[in-house]
Amino acid sequence: MIIIFLFKRNFKSYGFQFKNAKSDIIWALIFVILIIFPSILTILFGLATFDIARYQPQYFISTLIFQLIFTGVFEEIYFRGYIQSRLNKDFNHPYISKNLKFGPGVTIAALLFGLAHVFNPFYLIIGNFEFNIFSGIFAAQVGMLLGLIREKTDSLLIPILIHGLYNGFVSFFSGLPDLFQTFTIGFGFMIAWIFLFTIFIKKYKMKESNIKELNIENI
């Protein structure tokens, strides 16, 4: 954000345009529901729990706000907003798949997002030098999904909501063995990928004003 302000960048080119806000919120909620649906099934069948009962209401609310702002907003601004947009300036959008134009910037930003999560357990101050390779791989595919959505919508709103709401849900989801929980969440993202290419890319429409602004900026 500091870089964008200091160098007087065009905010719209970094995904700060929300003229489709109403439909984007609906699309984001559909994605979130699809992602967490397998986990909800495990809760309904008594295999896992959603532990909000043991927390104070203010903790539940503050956790959701934290996840939406500090992970949803800030991480998406950095990875899908700044990094992906700057890479798109250099690499452009040479690939086309089912009404979706994208370029190497999506993949590079996703890999950097994954790399950042590899270092999640690494904490020099307390002397923890571990790395989480699996977390990095998982985060990279999530970053790829969010990056493609950002390319299709030319906005950060859907990636921000998916990222923040999903992290908020996971904060309270527990009770499953790690491997089973990983499989359940991974299955949810597989459903989201199928939805992305079978419905979202075909059905998502930008307002005419958004398209005109996008064309002007690309000249």
C-alpha atoms as a PDB file:
ATOM      1  CA  MET A   1       0.000   0.000   0.000  1.00  0.00           C
ATOM      2  CA  ILE A   2       2.869   2.373   0.828  1.00  0.00           C
ATOM      3  CA  ILE A   3       4.460   1.701  -2.581  1.00  0.00           C
ATOM      4  CA  ILE A   4       1.161   2.291  -4.360  1.00  0.00           C
ATOM      5  CA  PHE A   5       0.652   5.602  -2.537  1.00  0.00           C
ATOM      6  CA  LEU A   6       4.246   6.822  -2.892  1.00  0.00           C
ATOM      7  CA  PHE A   7       4.487   6.124  -6.603  1.00  0.00           C
ATOM      8  CA  LYS A   8       0.923   7.268  -7.290  1.00  0.00           C
ATOM      9  CA  ARG A   9      -0.098   4.026  -8.968  1.00  0.00           C
ATOM     10  CA  ASN A  10      -3.489   3.538 -10.575  1.00  0.00           C
ATOM     11  CA  PHE A  11      -5.483   1.755  -7.889  1.00  0.00           C
ATOM     12  CA  LYS A  12      -7.825   0.105 -10.411  1.00  0.00           C
ATOM     13  CA  SER A  13      -4.912  -1.648 -12.117  1.00  0.00           C
ATOM     14  CA  TYR A  14      -4.127  -3.310  -8.766  1.00  0.00           C
ATOM     15  CA  GLY A  15      -7.641  -4.654  -8.362  1.00  0.00           C
ATOM     16  CA  PHE A  16      -9.143  -1.808  -6.333  1.00  0.00           C
ATOM     17  CA  GLN A  17     -12.406  -1.602  -8.239  1.00  0.00           C
ATOM     18  CA  PHE A  18     -15.614  -2.889  -6.792  1.00  0.00           C
ATOM     19  CA  LYS A  19     -18.362  -1.877  -9.234  1.00  0.00           C
ATOM     20  CA  ASN A  20     -19.502  -5.503  -9.347  1.00  0.00           C
ATOM     21  CA  ALA A  21     -19.509  -5.656  -5.542  1.00  0.00           C
ATOM     22  CA  LYS A  22     -22.993  -7.123  -5.117  1.00  0.00           C
ATOM     23  CA  SER A  23     -22.480 -10.010  -7.554  1.00  0.00           C
ATOM     24  CA  ASP A  24     -18.859 -10.484  -6.421  1.00  0.00           C
ATOM     25  CA  ILE A  25     -19.967 -10.995  -2.823  1.00  0.00           C
ATOM     26  CA  ILE A  26     -22.473 -13.631  -3.980  1.00  0.00           C
ATOM     27  CA  TRP A  27     -19.834 -15.423  -6.077  1.00  0.00           C
ATOM     28  CA  ALA A  28     -17.372 -15.303  -3.167  1.00  0.00           C
ATOM     29  CA  LEU A  29     -19.897 -16.833  -0.770  1.00  0.00           C
ATOM     30  CA  ILE A  30     -20.614 -19.637  -3.278  1.00  0.00           C
ATOM     31  CA  PHE A  31     -16.879 -20.392  -3.509  1.00  0.00           C
ATOM     32  CA  VAL A  32     -16.509 -20.397   0.294  1.00  0.00           C
ATOM     33  CA  ILE A  33     -19.522 -22.692   0.756  1.00  0.00           C
ATOM     34  CA  LEU A  34     -18.141 -25.130  -1.832  1.00  0.00           C
ATOM     35  CA  ILE A  35     -14.694 -25.116  -0.206  1.00  0.00           C
ATOM     36  CA  ILE A  36     -15.938 -25.756   3.321  1.00  0.00           C
ATOM     37  CA  PHE A  37     -18.805 -28.103   2.304  1.00  0.00           C
ATOM     38  CA  PRO A  38     -16.826 -31.363   2.861  1.00  0.00           C
ATOM     39  CA  SER A  39     -15.715 -30.050   6.258  1.00  0.00           C
ATOM     40  CA  ILE A  40     -19.308 -29.194   7.178  1.00  0.00           C
ATOM     41  CA  LEU A  41     -20.299 -32.776   6.321  1.00  0.00           C
ATOM     42  CA  THR A  42     -17.696 -34.103   8.771  1.00  0.00           C
ATOM     43  CA  ILE A  43     -19.190 -31.838  11.442  1.00  0.00           C
ATOM     44  CA  LEU A  44     -22.752 -32.993  10.683  1.00  0.00           C
ATOM     45  CA  PHE A  45     -21.642 -36.639  10.920  1.00  0.00           C
ATOM     46  CA  GLY A  46     -19.897 -35.983  14.238  1.00  0.00           C
ATOM     47  CA  LEU A  47     -16.371 -36.546  12.928  1.00  0.00           C
ATOM     48  CA  ALA A  48     -15.210 -32.994  13.611  1.00  0.00           C
ATOM     49  CA  THR A  49     -16.304 -29.941  15.556  1.00  0.00           C
ATOM     50  CA  PHE A  50     -16.730 -26.225  15.024  1.00  0.00           C
ATOM     51  CA  ASP A  51     -15.435 -24.959  18.349  1.00  0.00           C
ATOM     52  CA  ILE A  52     -17.161 -21.631  18.911  1.00  0.00           C
ATOM     53  CA  ALA A  53     -18.993 -22.741  22.067  1.00  0.00           C
ATOM     54  CA  ARG A  54     -15.802 -22.706  24.166  1.00  0.00           C
ATOM     55  CA  TYR A  55     -14.913 -19.180  23.024  1.00  0.00           C
ATOM     56  CA  GLN A  56     -16.384 -15.881  24.045  1.00  0.00           C
ATOM     57  CA  PRO A  57     -18.508 -14.218  21.323  1.00  0.00           C
ATOM     58  CA  GLN A  58     -16.053 -11.336  21.115  1.00  0.00           C
ATOM     59  CA  TYR A  59     -13.243 -13.809  20.365  1.00  0.00           C
ATOM     60  CA  PHE A  60     -15.253 -15.298  17.495  1.00  0.00           C
ATOM     61  CA  ILE A  61     -15.978 -11.850  16.043  1.00  0.00           C
ATOM     62  CA  SER A  62     -12.420 -10.569  16.530  1.00  0.00           C
ATOM     63  CA  THR A  63     -11.016 -13.709  14.847  1.00  0.00           C
ATOM     64  CA  LEU A  64     -13.211 -13.220  11.784  1.00  0.00           C
ATOM     65  CA  ILE A  65     -12.276  -9.540  11.593  1.00  0.00           C
ATOM     66  CA  PHE A  66      -8.581 -10.385  11.949  1.00  0.00           C
ATOM     67  CA  GLN A  67      -8.725 -13.044   9.238  1.00  0.00           C
ATOM     68  CA  LEU A  68     -10.643 -10.803   6.840  1.00  0.00           C
ATOM     69  CA  ILE A  69      -8.362  -7.791   7.314  1.00  0.00           C
ATOM     70  CA  PHE A  70      -4.885  -9.112   8.091  1.00  0.00           C
ATOM     71  CA  THR A  71      -4.963 -12.217   5.904  1.00  0.00           C
ATOM     72  CA  GLY A  72      -7.781 -11.572   3.449  1.00  0.00           C
ATOM     73  CA  VAL A  73      -7.148  -7.907   2.682  1.00  0.00           C
ATOM     74  CA  PHE A  74      -3.414  -7.446   3.302  1.00  0.00           C
ATOM     75  CA  GLU A  75      -2.167 -10.716   1.783  1.00  0.00           C
ATOM     76  CA  GLU A  76      -4.371 -10.335  -1.284  1.00  0.00           C
ATOM     77  CA  ILE A  77      -3.293  -6.720  -1.800  1.00  0.00           C
ATOM     78  CA  TYR A  78       0.335  -7.841  -1.715  1.00  0.00           C
ATOM     79  CA  PHE A  79       0.245 -11.082  -3.712  1.00  0.00           C
ATOM     80  CA  ARG A  80      -2.722 -10.754  -6.092  1.00  0.00           C
ATOM     81  CA  GLY A  81      -2.825  -6.974  -6.084  1.00  0.00           C
ATOM     82  CA  TYR A  82       0.749  -5.717  -6.227  1.00  0.00           C
ATOM     83  CA  ILE A  83       2.978  -8.678  -7.217  1.00  0.00           C
ATOM     84  CA  GLN A  84       0.630 -10.266  -9.764  1.00  0.00           C
ATOM     85  CA  SER A  85      -0.255  -6.910 -11.330  1.00  0.00           C
ATOM     86  CA  ARG A  86       3.383  -5.838 -11.665  1.00  0.00           C
ATOM     87  CA  LEU A  87       4.316  -9.175 -13.221  1.00  0.00           C
ATOM     88  CA  ASN A  88       1.407  -8.838 -15.647  1.00  0.00           C
ATOM     89  CA  LYS A  89       2.937  -5.582 -16.870  1.00  0.00           C
ATOM     90  CA  ASP A  90       6.049  -7.490 -17.954  1.00  0.00           C
ATOM     91  CA  PHE A  91       4.577 -10.814 -19.085  1.00  0.00           C
ATOM     92  CA  ASN A  92       1.131  -9.667 -20.269  1.00  0.00           C
ATOM     93  CA  HIS A  93      -1.654 -12.270 -20.783  1.00  0.00           C
ATOM     94  CA  PRO A  94      -0.540 -14.695 -23.508  1.00  0.00           C
ATOM     95  CA  TYR A  95      -2.701 -17.642 -22.390  1.00  0.00           C
ATOM     96  CA  ILE A  96      -6.407 -18.042 -23.049  1.00  0.00           C
ATOM     97  CA  SER A  97      -8.565 -20.795 -21.538  1.00  0.00           C
ATOM     98  CA  LYS A  98     -12.361 -20.743 -21.712  1.00  0.00           C
ATOM     99  CA  ASN A  99     -12.890 -16.968 -21.730  1.00  0.00           C
ATOM    100  CA  LEU A 100     -10.024 -16.399 -19.295  1.00  0.00           C
ATOM    101  CA  LYS A 101      -6.865 -14.524 -20.274  1.00  0.00           C
ATOM    102  CA  PHE A 102      -3.876 -14.858 -17.968  1.00  0.00           C
ATOM    103  CA  GLY A 103      -0.098 -14.951 -17.981  1.00  0.00           C
ATOM    104  CA  PRO A 104       2.955 -16.191 -16.059  1.00  0.00           C
ATOM    105  CA  GLY A 105       2.301 -13.523 -13.420  1.00  0.00           C
ATOM    106  CA  VAL A 106      -0.467 -15.672 -11.909  1.00  0.00           C
ATOM    107  CA  THR A 107       1.831 -18.683 -11.519  1.00  0.00           C
ATOM    108  CA  ILE A 108       4.811 -16.716 -10.189  1.00  0.00           C
ATOM    109  CA  ALA A 109       2.661 -14.861  -7.632  1.00  0.00           C
ATOM    110  CA  ALA A 110       1.111 -18.183  -6.548  1.00  0.00           C
ATOM    111  CA  LEU A 111       4.549 -19.794  -6.121  1.00  0.00           C
ATOM    112  CA  LEU A 112       5.733 -16.842  -4.025  1.00  0.00           C
ATOM    113  CA  PHE A 113       2.554 -17.144  -1.956  1.00  0.00           C
ATOM    114  CA  GLY A 114       3.335 -20.835  -1.427  1.00  0.00           C
ATOM    115  CA  LEU A 115       6.947 -20.086  -0.531  1.00  0.00           C
ATOM    116  CA  ALA A 116       5.813 -17.626   2.129  1.00  0.00           C
ATOM    117  CA  HIS A 117       3.750 -20.397   3.736  1.00  0.00           C
ATOM    118  CA  VAL A 118       6.698 -22.798   3.699  1.00  0.00           C
ATOM    119  CA  PHE A 119       8.248 -20.476   6.293  1.00  0.00           C
ATOM    120  CA  ASN A 120       5.159 -20.438   8.549  1.00  0.00           C
ATOM    121  CA  PRO A 121       6.764 -22.545  11.340  1.00  0.00           C
ATOM    122  CA  PHE A 122      10.151 -20.800  10.936  1.00  0.00           C
ATOM    123  CA  TYR A 123      10.548 -18.398  13.852  1.00  0.00           C
ATOM    124  CA  LEU A 124      14.091 -17.223  14.474  1.00  0.00           C
ATOM    125  CA  ILE A 125      13.333 -15.435  17.749  1.00  0.00           C
ATOM    126  CA  ILE A 126      12.315 -18.635  19.560  1.00  0.00           C
ATOM    127  CA  GLY A 127      14.809 -20.802  17.688  1.00  0.00           C
ATOM    128  CA  ASN A 128      12.322 -22.736  15.537  1.00  0.00           C
ATOM    129  CA  PHE A 129      13.996 -23.573  12.212  1.00  0.00           C
ATOM    130  CA  GLU A 130      11.357 -25.926  10.783  1.00  0.00           C
ATOM    131  CA  PHE A 131       9.734 -25.594   7.369  1.00  0.00           C
ATOM    132  CA  ASN A 132       6.353 -26.811   6.139  1.00  0.00           C
ATOM    133  CA  ILE A 133       6.730 -27.956   2.541  1.00  0.00           C
ATOM    134  CA  PHE A 134       3.189 -29.351   2.302  1.00  0.00           C
ATOM    135  CA  SER A 135       1.709 -26.066   3.512  1.00  0.00           C
ATOM    136  CA  GLY A 136       3.647 -24.300   0.767  1.00  0.00           C
ATOM    137  CA  ILE A 137       2.333 -26.643  -1.939  1.00  0.00           C
ATOM    138  CA  PHE A 138      -1.232 -26.295  -0.671  1.00  0.00           C
ATOM    139  CA  ALA A 139      -0.951 -22.499  -0.454  1.00  0.00           C
ATOM    140  CA  ALA A 140       0.471 -22.306  -3.986  1.00  0.00           C
ATOM    141  CA  GLN A 141      -2.591 -24.002  -5.491  1.00  0.00           C
ATOM    142  CA  VAL A 142      -4.848 -21.731  -3.416  1.00  0.00           C
ATOM    143  CA  GLY A 143      -2.878 -18.752  -4.717  1.00  0.00           C
ATOM    144  CA  MET A 144      -3.334 -20.015  -8.272  1.00  0.00           C
ATOM    145  CA  LEU A 145      -7.091 -20.304  -7.778  1.00  0.00           C
ATOM    146  CA  LEU A 146      -7.348 -16.803  -6.305  1.00  0.00           C
ATOM    147  CA  GLY A 147      -5.041 -15.425  -8.969  1.00  0.00           C
ATOM    148  CA  LEU A 148      -7.213 -16.736 -11.813  1.00  0.00           C
ATOM    149  CA  ILE A 149     -10.313 -15.305 -10.148  1.00  0.00           C
ATOM    150  CA  ARG A 150      -8.550 -11.950  -9.864  1.00  0.00           C
ATOM    151  CA  GLU A 151      -7.677 -12.092 -13.591  1.00  0.00           C
ATOM    152  CA  LYS A 152     -11.266 -12.907 -14.571  1.00  0.00           C
ATOM    153  CA  THR A 153     -12.881 -10.236 -12.376  1.00  0.00           C
ATOM    154  CA  ASP A 154     -10.128  -7.592 -12.554  1.00  0.00           C
ATOM    155  CA  SER A 155     -10.892  -7.058  -8.848  1.00  0.00           C
ATOM    156  CA  LEU A 156      -9.556  -8.210  -5.480  1.00  0.00           C
ATOM    157  CA  LEU A 157     -12.944  -8.427  -3.787  1.00  0.00           C
ATOM    158  CA  ILE A 158     -13.670 -12.128  -4.399  1.00  0.00           C
ATOM    159  CA  PRO A 159     -10.095 -13.283  -3.516  1.00  0.00           C
ATOM    160  CA  ILE A 160     -10.186 -11.169  -0.325  1.00  0.00           C
ATOM    161  CA  LEU A 161     -13.514 -12.644   0.812  1.00  0.00           C
ATOM    162  CA  ILE A 162     -12.575 -16.242  -0.052  1.00  0.00           C
ATOM    163  CA  HIS A 163      -9.211 -15.922   1.697  1.00  0.00           C
ATOM    164  CA  GLY A 164     -10.530 -14.228   4.830  1.00  0.00           C
ATOM    165  CA  LEU A 165     -13.730 -16.246   5.309  1.00  0.00           C
ATOM    166  CA  TYR A 166     -11.982 -19.560   4.653  1.00  0.00           C
ATOM    167  CA  ASN A 167      -9.234 -18.753   7.169  1.00  0.00           C
ATOM    168  CA  GLY A 168     -11.887 -17.702   9.661  1.00  0.00           C
ATOM    169  CA  PHE A 169     -13.681 -21.039   9.286  1.00  0.00           C
ATOM    170  CA  VAL A 170     -10.479 -23.071   9.611  1.00  0.00           C
ATOM    171  CA  SER A 171      -9.627 -21.200  12.832  1.00  0.00           C
ATOM    172  CA  PHE A 172     -12.539 -22.969  14.532  1.00  0.00           C
ATOM    173  CA  PHE A 173     -12.582 -26.255  12.622  1.00  0.00           C
ATOM    174  CA  SER A 174     -10.964 -29.089  14.585  1.00  0.00           C
ATOM    175  CA  GLY A 175     -11.318 -32.646  15.825  1.00  0.00           C
ATOM    176  CA  LEU A 176     -10.120 -34.519  12.752  1.00  0.00           C
ATOM    177  CA  PRO A 177      -6.712 -36.213  12.439  1.00  0.00           C
ATOM    178  CA  ASP A 178      -4.325 -33.974  10.489  1.00  0.00           C
ATOM    179  CA  LEU A 179      -4.256 -36.210   7.414  1.00  0.00           C
ATOM    180  CA  PHE A 180      -8.046 -36.560   7.269  1.00  0.00           C
ATOM    181  CA  GLN A 181      -8.518 -32.822   7.826  1.00  0.00           C
ATOM    182  CA  THR A 182      -6.039 -32.065   5.045  1.00  0.00           C
ATOM    183  CA  PHE A 183      -7.877 -34.433   2.696  1.00  0.00           C
ATOM    184  CA  THR A 184     -11.248 -32.888   3.583  1.00  0.00           C
ATOM    185  CA  ILE A 185     -10.087 -29.318   2.981  1.00  0.00           C
ATOM    186  CA  GLY A 186      -8.229 -30.355  -0.170  1.00  0.00           C
ATOM    187  CA  PHE A 187     -11.393 -31.990  -1.514  1.00  0.00           C
ATOM    188  CA  GLY A 188     -13.226 -28.711  -0.914  1.00  0.00           C
ATOM    189  CA  PHE A 189     -10.700 -26.811  -3.008  1.00  0.00           C
ATOM    190  CA  MET A 190     -10.956 -29.456  -5.746  1.00  0.00           C
ATOM    191  CA  ILE A 191     -14.690 -28.711  -5.902  1.00  0.00           C
ATOM    192  CA  ALA A 192     -13.856 -24.996  -6.116  1.00  0.00           C
ATOM    193  CA  TRP A 193     -11.480 -25.642  -9.049  1.00  0.00           C
ATOM    194  CA  ILE A 194     -14.186 -27.570 -10.916  1.00  0.00           C
ATOM    195  CA  PHE A 195     -16.674 -24.781 -10.234  1.00  0.00           C
ATOM    196  CA  LEU A 196     -14.151 -22.204 -11.488  1.00  0.00           C
ATOM    197  CA  PHE A 197     -13.774 -23.780 -14.927  1.00  0.00           C
ATOM    198  CA  THR A 198     -17.275 -25.174 -15.439  1.00  0.00           C
ATOM    199  CA  ILE A 199     -19.495 -22.326 -14.190  1.00  0.00           C
ATOM    200  CA  PHE A 200     -17.706 -19.237 -12.878  1.00  0.00           C
ATOM    201  CA  ILE A 201     -15.567 -18.426 -15.934  1.00  0.00           C
ATOM    202  CA  LYS A 202     -18.548 -18.893 -18.266  1.00  0.00           C
ATOM    203  CA  LYS A 203     -21.170 -17.091 -16.185  1.00  0.00           C
ATOM    204  CA  TYR A 204     -19.220 -14.230 -14.581  1.00  0.00           C
ATOM    205  CA  LYS A 205     -20.041 -10.892 -16.209  1.00  0.00           C
ATOM    206  CA  MET A 206     -18.416  -7.522 -15.633  1.00  0.00           C
ATOM    207  CA  LYS A 207     -20.461  -4.359 -15.941  1.00  0.00           C
ATOM    208  CA  GLU A 208     -20.052  -2.532 -19.218  1.00  0.00           C
ATOM    209  CA  SER A 209     -18.407   0.422 -17.439  1.00  0.00           C
ATOM    210  CA  ASN A 210     -15.750  -1.913 -16.013  1.00  0.00           C
ATOM    211  CA  ILE A 211     -14.987  -3.333 -19.466  1.00  0.00           C
ATOM    212  CA  LYS A 212     -14.604   0.145 -21.004  1.00  0.00           C
ATOM    213  CA  GLU A 213     -12.217   1.240 -18.236  1.00  0.00           C
ATOM    214  CA  LEU A 214     -10.222  -1.970 -18.633  1.00  0.00           C
ATOM    215  CA  ASN A 215      -9.904  -1.460 -22.374  1.00  0.00           C
ATOM    216  CA  ILE A 216      -8.783   2.142 -21.940  1.00  0.00           C
ATOM    217  CA  GLU A 217      -6.085   1.124 -19.449  1.00  0.00           C
ATOM    218  CA  ASN A 218      -4.823  -1.610 -21.759  1.00  0.00           C
ATOM    219  CA  ILE A 219      -4.288   0.736 -24.714  1.00  0.00           C
END
